[in-house]
Amino acid sequence: MPQKGTAGIINTTNRQGFLLIHTSPQVLGRVTKSTLWTVGTGFILFLLILVLGLKIKIFWIALPLSFYLIAQLFVYTNHVKTVKNQRIYFDPQTSEVYVERLPGIGMDLHFNLLRDVIEITEVRSVQKNRGTLYGYYRLRLKNDILIIPYLVEQHDHSGNKAFFASINNNFKIEVEIKLFPII
């Protein structure tokens, strides 16, 4: 089993058959833009509440909504950080999965998707943020947990489709709904 700090868990001669499960700059750009619009709306709403709330007390009811919109920035940064801290490789023929993690984040993982996964939980946000639904898959293994944000699933790539099709076809996925799906 690969250990933390290895240069690469799959050397270039062994990468045949493995697909990189990742997100694209286009998905990240779209999600960044929609999140910044939401956070900006939250700040504008907050300022309006401060200005108008001094005169008309009923506007203070909208204060939790403005905080919710602003907090989407924390959800966004949490998910992008998780995507950037790990690289996932999947072999659709054997269902082997390799996960490279940045040093200091945790140990690299190697497991078989069909044999070693104990449980899969899908954690999703209560609502979409300008067309983006935040959430993640939590794969519980025998000795570790792998988190895969929706940002990876949203990338329209054949490797990603094969990986998530294998998950959806072979597991009963328990769904949790949270206000803030922080990893």
N, C-alpha and C. Protein backbone atom coordinates (compact mmCIF):
# COMPACT_ATOMS: atom_id res chain seq x y z
N MET A 1 0.84 -1.17 0.00
CA MET A 1 0.00 0.00 0.00
C MET A 1 0.89 1.23 0.00
N PRO A 2 0.63 2.23 -0.86
CA PRO A 2 1.45 3.42 -0.93
C PRO A 2 1.39 4.20 0.37
N GLN A 3 2.47 4.86 0.68
CA GLN A 3 2.55 5.63 1.91
C GLN A 3 2.57 7.12 1.61
N LYS A 4 2.30 7.90 2.63
CA LYS A 4 2.32 9.34 2.53
C LYS A 4 3.70 9.80 2.08
N GLY A 5 3.71 10.78 1.18
CA GLY A 5 4.96 11.35 0.76
C GLY A 5 5.57 10.67 -0.46
N THR A 6 4.91 9.66 -1.01
CA THR A 6 5.45 9.04 -2.20
C THR A 6 5.30 10.00 -3.37
N ALA A 7 6.22 9.91 -4.31
CA ALA A 7 6.18 10.82 -5.45
C ALA A 7 4.93 10.60 -6.29
N GLY A 8 4.51 9.39 -6.43
CA GLY A 8 3.31 9.09 -7.18
C GLY A 8 2.90 7.66 -6.89
N ILE A 9 1.64 7.45 -6.69
CA ILE A 9 1.25 6.10 -6.34
C ILE A 9 1.15 5.20 -7.56
N ILE A 10 1.05 5.81 -8.72
CA ILE A 10 1.02 5.03 -9.94
C ILE A 10 2.09 5.61 -10.85
N ASN A 11 3.13 4.83 -11.14
CA ASN A 11 4.13 5.39 -12.04
C ASN A 11 3.60 5.33 -13.46
N THR A 12 4.25 6.02 -14.37
CA THR A 12 3.70 6.20 -15.71
C THR A 12 3.52 4.89 -16.44
N THR A 13 4.27 3.88 -16.14
CA THR A 13 4.08 2.59 -16.83
C THR A 13 2.84 1.87 -16.34
N ASN A 14 2.37 2.13 -15.13
CA ASN A 14 1.21 1.45 -14.59
C ASN A 14 -0.09 2.24 -14.75
N ARG A 15 -0.07 3.40 -15.36
CA ARG A 15 -1.27 4.22 -15.48
C ARG A 15 -2.21 3.75 -16.58
N GLN A 16 -1.80 2.80 -17.39
CA GLN A 16 -2.67 2.31 -18.43
C GLN A 16 -3.89 1.68 -17.80
N GLY A 17 -5.03 2.07 -18.29
CA GLY A 17 -6.28 1.55 -17.77
C GLY A 17 -6.86 2.37 -16.64
N PHE A 18 -6.07 3.23 -16.01
CA PHE A 18 -6.57 4.07 -14.93
C PHE A 18 -7.04 5.41 -15.48
N LEU A 19 -8.16 5.87 -14.99
CA LEU A 19 -8.73 7.14 -15.41
C LEU A 19 -8.63 8.13 -14.25
N LEU A 20 -8.21 9.34 -14.56
CA LEU A 20 -8.15 10.39 -13.54
C LEU A 20 -9.56 10.92 -13.31
N ILE A 21 -10.00 10.86 -12.08
CA ILE A 21 -11.32 11.38 -11.70
C ILE A 21 -11.07 12.78 -11.16
N HIS A 22 -11.53 13.79 -11.88
CA HIS A 22 -11.20 15.17 -11.51
C HIS A 22 -12.29 16.13 -11.96
N THR A 23 -12.08 17.39 -11.66
CA THR A 23 -12.98 18.43 -12.12
C THR A 23 -12.22 19.29 -13.13
N SER A 24 -12.93 20.14 -13.80
CA SER A 24 -12.30 20.96 -14.83
C SER A 24 -12.25 22.42 -14.40
N PRO A 25 -11.35 23.20 -15.02
CA PRO A 25 -11.32 24.64 -14.74
C PRO A 25 -12.65 25.32 -15.09
N GLN A 26 -13.37 24.80 -16.10
CA GLN A 26 -14.66 25.38 -16.47
C GLN A 26 -15.68 25.20 -15.36
N VAL A 27 -15.72 24.01 -14.76
CA VAL A 27 -16.65 23.77 -13.65
C VAL A 27 -16.28 24.66 -12.47
N LEU A 28 -14.99 24.72 -12.14
CA LEU A 28 -14.56 25.57 -11.03
C LEU A 28 -14.87 27.04 -11.31
N GLY A 29 -14.68 27.49 -12.54
CA GLY A 29 -14.99 28.87 -12.90
C GLY A 29 -16.47 29.18 -12.77
N ARG A 30 -17.31 28.27 -13.25
CA ARG A 30 -18.76 28.46 -13.15
C ARG A 30 -19.20 28.50 -11.70
N VAL A 31 -18.68 27.58 -10.90
CA VAL A 31 -19.06 27.51 -9.49
C VAL A 31 -18.54 28.74 -8.75
N THR A 32 -17.33 29.18 -9.07
CA THR A 32 -16.78 30.39 -8.44
C THR A 32 -17.65 31.60 -8.74
N LYS A 33 -18.02 31.76 -10.00
CA LYS A 33 -18.84 32.91 -10.40
C LYS A 33 -20.19 32.89 -9.68
N SER A 34 -20.85 31.73 -9.66
CA SER A 34 -22.17 31.67 -9.02
C SER A 34 -22.07 31.90 -7.51
N THR A 35 -21.01 31.37 -6.90
CA THR A 35 -20.84 31.57 -5.46
C THR A 35 -20.54 33.03 -5.13
N LEU A 36 -19.70 33.66 -5.93
CA LEU A 36 -19.40 35.07 -5.67
C LEU A 36 -20.64 35.96 -5.85
N TRP A 37 -21.49 35.63 -6.81
CA TRP A 37 -22.75 36.37 -6.96
C TRP A 37 -23.63 36.18 -5.72
N THR A 38 -23.70 34.99 -5.22
CA THR A 38 -24.50 34.71 -4.04
C THR A 38 -23.96 35.44 -2.82
N VAL A 39 -22.63 35.39 -2.65
CA VAL A 39 -22.01 36.07 -1.50
C VAL A 39 -22.19 37.58 -1.63
N GLY A 40 -22.03 38.10 -2.84
CA GLY A 40 -22.24 39.54 -3.08
C GLY A 40 -23.67 39.95 -2.76
N THR A 41 -24.62 39.12 -3.15
CA THR A 41 -26.03 39.39 -2.83
C THR A 41 -26.23 39.40 -1.32
N GLY A 42 -25.57 38.48 -0.63
CA GLY A 42 -25.66 38.44 0.83
C GLY A 42 -25.12 39.70 1.47
N PHE A 43 -23.97 40.20 0.96
CA PHE A 43 -23.40 41.43 1.50
C PHE A 43 -24.30 42.63 1.22
N ILE A 44 -24.85 42.72 0.03
CA ILE A 44 -25.75 43.83 -0.30
C ILE A 44 -26.99 43.77 0.58
N LEU A 45 -27.54 42.58 0.75
CA LEU A 45 -28.70 42.42 1.63
C LEU A 45 -28.35 42.81 3.06
N PHE A 46 -27.18 42.44 3.52
CA PHE A 46 -26.74 42.79 4.87
C PHE A 46 -26.66 44.31 5.03
N LEU A 47 -26.07 44.99 4.05
CA LEU A 47 -25.98 46.46 4.11
C LEU A 47 -27.35 47.11 4.08
N LEU A 48 -28.26 46.57 3.25
CA LEU A 48 -29.62 47.11 3.22
C LEU A 48 -30.32 46.92 4.56
N ILE A 49 -30.09 45.79 5.16
CA ILE A 49 -30.70 45.52 6.47
C ILE A 49 -30.18 46.52 7.50
N LEU A 50 -28.88 46.80 7.45
CA LEU A 50 -28.31 47.76 8.40
C LEU A 50 -28.89 49.15 8.19
N VAL A 51 -28.98 49.57 6.94
CA VAL A 51 -29.48 50.93 6.64
C VAL A 51 -30.98 51.02 6.90
N LEU A 52 -31.75 50.12 6.32
CA LEU A 52 -33.20 50.19 6.45
C LEU A 52 -33.69 49.64 7.79
N GLY A 53 -32.91 48.77 8.38
CA GLY A 53 -33.32 48.17 9.65
C GLY A 53 -33.35 49.18 10.78
N LEU A 54 -32.57 50.24 10.65
CA LEU A 54 -32.60 51.29 11.68
C LEU A 54 -33.93 52.03 11.66
N LYS A 55 -34.52 52.16 10.48
CA LYS A 55 -35.80 52.87 10.35
C LYS A 55 -37.00 51.92 10.48
N ILE A 56 -36.90 50.77 9.81
CA ILE A 56 -38.01 49.84 9.79
C ILE A 56 -37.52 48.52 10.37
N LYS A 57 -37.94 48.21 11.57
CA LYS A 57 -37.43 47.06 12.32
C LYS A 57 -37.74 45.71 11.67
N ILE A 58 -38.73 45.63 10.82
CA ILE A 58 -39.12 44.37 10.20
C ILE A 58 -38.01 43.81 9.30
N PHE A 59 -37.14 44.65 8.81
CA PHE A 59 -36.06 44.19 7.93
C PHE A 59 -35.05 43.31 8.65
N TRP A 60 -35.01 43.36 9.96
CA TRP A 60 -34.07 42.53 10.71
C TRP A 60 -34.37 41.04 10.55
N ILE A 61 -35.59 40.73 10.09
CA ILE A 61 -35.95 39.33 9.84
C ILE A 61 -35.09 38.73 8.74
N ALA A 62 -34.63 39.56 7.80
CA ALA A 62 -33.82 39.09 6.67
C ALA A 62 -32.34 38.90 7.02
N LEU A 63 -31.95 39.23 8.24
CA LEU A 63 -30.55 39.11 8.63
C LEU A 63 -30.03 37.66 8.54
N PRO A 64 -30.76 36.65 9.02
CA PRO A 64 -30.26 35.27 8.86
C PRO A 64 -30.08 34.87 7.39
N LEU A 65 -30.95 35.37 6.52
CA LEU A 65 -30.81 35.07 5.10
C LEU A 65 -29.51 35.64 4.54
N SER A 66 -29.18 36.84 4.92
CA SER A 66 -27.94 37.45 4.42
C SER A 66 -26.72 36.67 4.94
N PHE A 67 -26.77 36.23 6.20
CA PHE A 67 -25.66 35.42 6.73
C PHE A 67 -25.54 34.08 6.01
N TYR A 68 -26.69 33.48 5.68
CA TYR A 68 -26.69 32.22 4.94
C TYR A 68 -26.01 32.42 3.57
N LEU A 69 -26.36 33.47 2.87
CA LEU A 69 -25.78 33.73 1.55
C LEU A 69 -24.28 33.99 1.65
N ILE A 70 -23.86 34.73 2.65
CA ILE A 70 -22.44 35.01 2.83
C ILE A 70 -21.68 33.73 3.19
N ALA A 71 -22.29 32.86 3.97
CA ALA A 71 -21.63 31.62 4.41
C ALA A 71 -21.38 30.65 3.25
N GLN A 72 -22.02 30.85 2.11
CA GLN A 72 -21.76 29.99 0.95
C GLN A 72 -20.30 30.06 0.52
N LEU A 73 -19.63 31.16 0.83
CA LEU A 73 -18.21 31.30 0.52
C LEU A 73 -17.39 30.25 1.28
N PHE A 74 -17.75 29.97 2.51
CA PHE A 74 -17.04 28.97 3.30
C PHE A 74 -17.27 27.55 2.76
N VAL A 75 -18.48 27.29 2.32
CA VAL A 75 -18.78 25.98 1.72
C VAL A 75 -17.96 25.82 0.44
N TYR A 76 -17.95 26.85 -0.39
CA TYR A 76 -17.20 26.82 -1.65
C TYR A 76 -15.70 26.56 -1.41
N THR A 77 -15.09 27.33 -0.52
CA THR A 77 -13.65 27.17 -0.28
C THR A 77 -13.34 25.79 0.30
N ASN A 78 -14.22 25.27 1.13
CA ASN A 78 -14.04 23.95 1.70
C ASN A 78 -14.04 22.87 0.62
N HIS A 79 -14.94 22.96 -0.32
CA HIS A 79 -15.05 21.96 -1.38
C HIS A 79 -13.90 22.06 -2.37
N VAL A 80 -13.53 23.28 -2.74
CA VAL A 80 -12.41 23.45 -3.69
C VAL A 80 -11.11 22.96 -3.06
N LYS A 81 -10.91 23.23 -1.78
CA LYS A 81 -9.71 22.76 -1.09
C LYS A 81 -9.64 21.23 -1.10
N THR A 82 -10.75 20.58 -0.87
CA THR A 82 -10.78 19.12 -0.88
C THR A 82 -10.46 18.57 -2.27
N VAL A 83 -11.00 19.19 -3.31
CA VAL A 83 -10.72 18.76 -4.68
C VAL A 83 -9.24 18.90 -5.00
N LYS A 84 -8.63 19.99 -4.58
CA LYS A 84 -7.23 20.24 -4.91
C LYS A 84 -6.25 19.44 -4.07
N ASN A 85 -6.68 18.93 -2.94
CA ASN A 85 -5.78 18.19 -2.04
C ASN A 85 -5.64 16.71 -2.37
N GLN A 86 -6.39 16.23 -3.36
CA GLN A 86 -6.31 14.81 -3.68
C GLN A 86 -6.53 14.58 -5.17
N ARG A 87 -5.92 13.51 -5.66
CA ARG A 87 -6.12 13.06 -7.04
C ARG A 87 -6.60 11.62 -6.97
N ILE A 88 -7.67 11.35 -7.70
CA ILE A 88 -8.28 10.02 -7.66
C ILE A 88 -8.11 9.36 -9.03
N TYR A 89 -7.63 8.11 -9.01
CA TYR A 89 -7.48 7.32 -10.23
C TYR A 89 -8.36 6.09 -10.10
N PHE A 90 -9.03 5.75 -11.19
CA PHE A 90 -9.98 4.64 -11.18
C PHE A 90 -9.76 3.76 -12.40
N ASP A 91 -9.72 2.45 -12.17
CA ASP A 91 -9.62 1.49 -13.26
C ASP A 91 -10.99 0.83 -13.41
N PRO A 92 -11.74 1.14 -14.46
CA PRO A 92 -13.08 0.57 -14.60
C PRO A 92 -13.09 -0.94 -14.85
N GLN A 93 -11.98 -1.49 -15.30
CA GLN A 93 -11.91 -2.94 -15.54
C GLN A 93 -11.85 -3.73 -14.24
N THR A 94 -11.03 -3.26 -13.30
CA THR A 94 -10.81 -3.99 -12.04
C THR A 94 -11.48 -3.34 -10.84
N SER A 95 -12.00 -2.12 -11.02
CA SER A 95 -12.60 -1.31 -9.94
C SER A 95 -11.59 -0.92 -8.88
N GLU A 96 -10.32 -0.91 -9.22
CA GLU A 96 -9.28 -0.45 -8.30
C GLU A 96 -9.27 1.08 -8.28
N VAL A 97 -9.06 1.65 -7.11
CA VAL A 97 -9.02 3.10 -6.93
C VAL A 97 -7.74 3.45 -6.20
N TYR A 98 -7.03 4.45 -6.71
CA TYR A 98 -5.85 5.00 -6.05
C TYR A 98 -6.13 6.46 -5.77
N VAL A 99 -5.80 6.89 -4.58
CA VAL A 99 -6.00 8.29 -4.20
C VAL A 99 -4.66 8.83 -3.73
N GLU A 100 -4.17 9.84 -4.43
CA GLU A 100 -2.96 10.55 -4.01
C GLU A 100 -3.40 11.76 -3.20
N ARG A 101 -2.86 11.91 -2.04
CA ARG A 101 -3.16 13.09 -1.21
C ARG A 101 -1.90 13.91 -1.04
N LEU A 102 -2.07 15.21 -0.94
CA LEU A 102 -0.92 16.08 -0.71
C LEU A 102 -0.27 15.73 0.62
N PRO A 103 1.05 15.88 0.71
CA PRO A 103 1.71 15.62 2.00
C PRO A 103 1.08 16.50 3.10
N GLY A 104 0.89 15.91 4.25
CA GLY A 104 0.30 16.63 5.37
C GLY A 104 -1.22 16.51 5.43
N ILE A 105 -1.85 16.04 4.36
CA ILE A 105 -3.30 15.90 4.32
C ILE A 105 -3.72 14.53 4.84
N GLY A 106 -2.93 13.54 4.55
CA GLY A 106 -3.26 12.18 4.96
C GLY A 106 -2.49 11.21 4.08
N MET A 107 -2.68 9.94 4.38
CA MET A 107 -1.98 8.91 3.62
C MET A 107 -2.68 8.66 2.28
N ASP A 108 -1.90 8.25 1.30
CA ASP A 108 -2.47 7.84 0.03
C ASP A 108 -3.28 6.58 0.25
N LEU A 109 -4.28 6.37 -0.59
CA LEU A 109 -5.16 5.22 -0.44
C LEU A 109 -5.10 4.33 -1.67
N HIS A 110 -5.32 3.06 -1.47
CA HIS A 110 -5.48 2.09 -2.54
C HIS A 110 -6.54 1.11 -2.08
N PHE A 111 -7.62 1.00 -2.86
CA PHE A 111 -8.67 0.07 -2.48
C PHE A 111 -9.45 -0.37 -3.71
N ASN A 112 -10.23 -1.42 -3.54
CA ASN A 112 -11.12 -1.89 -4.60
C ASN A 112 -12.50 -1.34 -4.29
N LEU A 113 -13.08 -0.66 -5.25
CA LEU A 113 -14.36 -0.01 -5.05
C LEU A 113 -15.47 -1.00 -4.69
N LEU A 114 -15.43 -2.18 -5.27
CA LEU A 114 -16.50 -3.15 -5.04
C LEU A 114 -16.31 -3.99 -3.78
N ARG A 115 -15.07 -4.19 -3.35
CA ARG A 115 -14.81 -5.05 -2.19
C ARG A 115 -14.54 -4.30 -0.89
N ASP A 116 -13.90 -3.15 -0.96
CA ASP A 116 -13.39 -2.50 0.25
C ASP A 116 -14.26 -1.37 0.79
N VAL A 117 -15.25 -0.94 0.06
CA VAL A 117 -16.12 0.14 0.52
C VAL A 117 -17.21 -0.46 1.39
N ILE A 118 -17.31 0.05 2.61
CA ILE A 118 -18.30 -0.45 3.56
C ILE A 118 -19.63 0.26 3.37
N GLU A 119 -19.57 1.58 3.16
CA GLU A 119 -20.80 2.37 3.08
C GLU A 119 -20.51 3.64 2.30
N ILE A 120 -21.51 4.09 1.56
CA ILE A 120 -21.42 5.37 0.86
C ILE A 120 -22.58 6.24 1.31
N THR A 121 -22.23 7.45 1.73
CA THR A 121 -23.23 8.42 2.13
C THR A 121 -23.09 9.63 1.22
N GLU A 122 -24.21 10.13 0.76
CA GLU A 122 -24.22 11.35 -0.05
C GLU A 122 -24.75 12.46 0.84
N VAL A 123 -23.96 13.51 1.00
CA VAL A 123 -24.36 14.65 1.81
C VAL A 123 -24.56 15.82 0.86
N ARG A 124 -25.77 16.37 0.85
CA ARG A 124 -26.05 17.45 -0.09
C ARG A 124 -26.66 18.65 0.62
N SER A 125 -26.55 19.77 -0.04
CA SER A 125 -27.08 21.02 0.49
C SER A 125 -28.60 21.02 0.39
N VAL A 126 -29.21 21.88 1.16
CA VAL A 126 -30.66 22.01 1.17
C VAL A 126 -31.17 22.50 -0.18
N GLN A 127 -30.44 23.43 -0.79
CA GLN A 127 -30.88 24.01 -2.06
C GLN A 127 -29.70 24.34 -2.93
N LYS A 128 -30.00 24.59 -4.21
CA LYS A 128 -28.95 24.96 -5.17
C LYS A 128 -28.56 26.42 -4.96
N ASN A 129 -27.31 26.70 -5.29
CA ASN A 129 -26.77 28.05 -5.21
C ASN A 129 -26.55 28.51 -6.65
N ARG A 130 -27.51 29.24 -7.20
CA ARG A 130 -27.43 29.72 -8.59
C ARG A 130 -27.10 28.58 -9.56
N GLY A 131 -27.77 27.46 -9.42
CA GLY A 131 -27.58 26.33 -10.30
C GLY A 131 -26.55 25.31 -9.84
N THR A 132 -25.83 25.60 -8.78
CA THR A 132 -24.82 24.68 -8.26
C THR A 132 -25.32 24.07 -6.96
N LEU A 133 -25.35 22.74 -6.94
CA LEU A 133 -25.73 22.04 -5.72
C LEU A 133 -24.45 21.57 -5.04
N TYR A 134 -24.21 22.08 -3.85
CA TYR A 134 -23.03 21.67 -3.09
C TYR A 134 -23.33 20.37 -2.36
N GLY A 135 -22.33 19.54 -2.27
CA GLY A 135 -22.47 18.28 -1.57
C GLY A 135 -21.25 17.43 -1.85
N TYR A 136 -21.27 16.23 -1.29
CA TYR A 136 -20.14 15.32 -1.47
C TYR A 136 -20.56 13.90 -1.18
N TYR A 137 -19.74 12.97 -1.66
CA TYR A 137 -19.90 11.56 -1.34
C TYR A 137 -18.85 11.21 -0.28
N ARG A 138 -19.28 10.48 0.73
CA ARG A 138 -18.37 10.01 1.77
C ARG A 138 -18.31 8.49 1.66
N LEU A 139 -17.15 7.99 1.21
CA LEU A 139 -16.94 6.55 1.08
C LEU A 139 -16.23 6.07 2.33
N ARG A 140 -16.91 5.24 3.10
CA ARG A 140 -16.30 4.71 4.32
C ARG A 140 -15.64 3.39 3.97
N LEU A 141 -14.33 3.36 4.17
CA LEU A 141 -13.53 2.16 3.91
C LEU A 141 -13.24 1.48 5.24
N LYS A 142 -12.54 0.37 5.19
CA LYS A 142 -12.20 -0.34 6.42
C LYS A 142 -11.35 0.49 7.36
N ASN A 143 -10.39 1.24 6.80
CA ASN A 143 -9.45 1.99 7.64
C ASN A 143 -9.45 3.49 7.42
N ASP A 144 -10.28 3.99 6.53
CA ASP A 144 -10.22 5.41 6.20
C ASP A 144 -11.55 5.86 5.63
N ILE A 145 -11.63 7.15 5.33
CA ILE A 145 -12.81 7.74 4.69
C ILE A 145 -12.32 8.56 3.52
N LEU A 146 -12.98 8.43 2.38
CA LEU A 146 -12.67 9.22 1.20
C LEU A 146 -13.84 10.14 0.92
N ILE A 147 -13.55 11.42 0.76
CA ILE A 147 -14.56 12.43 0.47
C ILE A 147 -14.40 12.86 -0.98
N ILE A 148 -15.49 12.83 -1.74
CA ILE A 148 -15.46 13.25 -3.14
C ILE A 148 -16.55 14.31 -3.34
N PRO A 149 -16.16 15.58 -3.46
CA PRO A 149 -17.15 16.65 -3.64
C PRO A 149 -17.90 16.54 -4.97
N TYR A 150 -19.10 17.08 -4.99
CA TYR A 150 -19.91 17.13 -6.22
C TYR A 150 -19.17 17.84 -7.35
N LEU A 151 -18.24 18.73 -7.01
CA LEU A 151 -17.50 19.44 -8.05
C LEU A 151 -16.81 18.47 -9.00
N VAL A 152 -16.44 17.30 -8.51
CA VAL A 152 -15.83 16.27 -9.35
C VAL A 152 -16.90 15.62 -10.23
N GLU A 153 -18.05 15.34 -9.66
CA GLU A 153 -19.12 14.69 -10.41
C GLU A 153 -19.67 15.59 -11.51
N GLN A 154 -19.61 16.90 -11.31
CA GLN A 154 -20.17 17.84 -12.28
C GLN A 154 -19.33 17.97 -13.55
N HIS A 155 -18.10 17.50 -13.52
CA HIS A 155 -17.25 17.54 -14.70
C HIS A 155 -17.67 16.42 -15.66
N ASP A 156 -18.06 16.80 -16.86
CA ASP A 156 -18.55 15.85 -17.85
C ASP A 156 -17.37 15.18 -18.55
N HIS A 157 -16.85 14.15 -17.93
CA HIS A 157 -15.67 13.43 -18.42
C HIS A 157 -15.99 11.94 -18.37
N SER A 158 -15.52 11.18 -19.34
CA SER A 158 -15.86 9.75 -19.40
C SER A 158 -15.39 8.99 -18.17
N GLY A 159 -14.21 9.32 -17.64
CA GLY A 159 -13.72 8.66 -16.43
C GLY A 159 -14.60 8.93 -15.24
N ASN A 160 -15.03 10.18 -15.11
CA ASN A 160 -15.92 10.53 -14.00
C ASN A 160 -17.25 9.80 -14.13
N LYS A 161 -17.78 9.75 -15.36
CA LYS A 161 -19.06 9.05 -15.57
C LYS A 161 -18.95 7.58 -15.20
N ALA A 162 -17.86 6.93 -15.60
CA ALA A 162 -17.67 5.52 -15.29
C ALA A 162 -17.57 5.30 -13.78
N PHE A 163 -16.83 6.16 -13.10
CA PHE A 163 -16.65 6.03 -11.65
C PHE A 163 -17.99 6.19 -10.92
N PHE A 164 -18.72 7.26 -11.23
CA PHE A 164 -19.97 7.52 -10.52
C PHE A 164 -21.06 6.53 -10.94
N ALA A 165 -21.02 6.02 -12.17
CA ALA A 165 -21.96 4.98 -12.57
C ALA A 165 -21.70 3.71 -11.76
N SER A 166 -20.44 3.38 -11.54
CA SER A 166 -20.09 2.21 -10.74
C SER A 166 -20.58 2.37 -9.30
N ILE A 167 -20.43 3.56 -8.76
CA ILE A 167 -20.92 3.82 -7.39
C ILE A 167 -22.43 3.68 -7.33
N ASN A 168 -23.12 4.32 -8.26
CA ASN A 168 -24.59 4.32 -8.22
C ASN A 168 -25.19 2.94 -8.54
N ASN A 169 -24.51 2.17 -9.37
CA ASN A 169 -25.04 0.86 -9.74
C ASN A 169 -24.77 -0.23 -8.70
N ASN A 170 -23.75 -0.05 -7.88
CA ASN A 170 -23.33 -1.12 -6.98
C ASN A 170 -23.60 -0.87 -5.50
N PHE A 171 -24.10 0.32 -5.15
CA PHE A 171 -24.29 0.63 -3.74
C PHE A 171 -25.65 1.28 -3.52
N LYS A 172 -26.20 1.02 -2.36
CA LYS A 172 -27.37 1.75 -1.89
C LYS A 172 -26.81 2.95 -1.14
N ILE A 173 -27.04 4.12 -1.68
CA ILE A 173 -26.43 5.34 -1.13
C ILE A 173 -27.43 6.03 -0.20
N GLU A 174 -27.00 6.20 1.04
CA GLU A 174 -27.80 6.92 2.02
C GLU A 174 -27.60 8.42 1.79
N VAL A 175 -28.68 9.19 1.78
CA VAL A 175 -28.61 10.62 1.51
C VAL A 175 -28.89 11.41 2.78
N GLU A 176 -28.01 12.36 3.07
CA GLU A 176 -28.20 13.30 4.18
C GLU A 176 -28.33 14.69 3.57
N ILE A 177 -29.22 15.50 4.12
CA ILE A 177 -29.39 16.86 3.64
C ILE A 177 -29.01 17.81 4.77
N LYS A 178 -28.09 18.73 4.46
CA LYS A 178 -27.62 19.68 5.47
C LYS A 178 -27.73 21.10 4.93
N LEU A 179 -27.82 22.04 5.84
CA LEU A 179 -27.84 23.45 5.45
C LEU A 179 -26.49 23.85 4.86
N PHE A 180 -25.41 23.44 5.52
CA PHE A 180 -24.06 23.70 5.04
C PHE A 180 -23.31 22.38 4.96
N PRO A 181 -23.14 21.81 3.77
CA PRO A 181 -22.41 20.53 3.66
C PRO A 181 -20.90 20.73 3.70
N ILE A 182 -20.41 21.06 4.88
CA ILE A 182 -18.97 21.27 5.09
C ILE A 182 -18.31 19.91 5.27
N ILE A 183 -17.19 19.72 4.60
CA ILE A 183 -16.45 18.46 4.65
C ILE A 183 -15.60 18.43 5.91
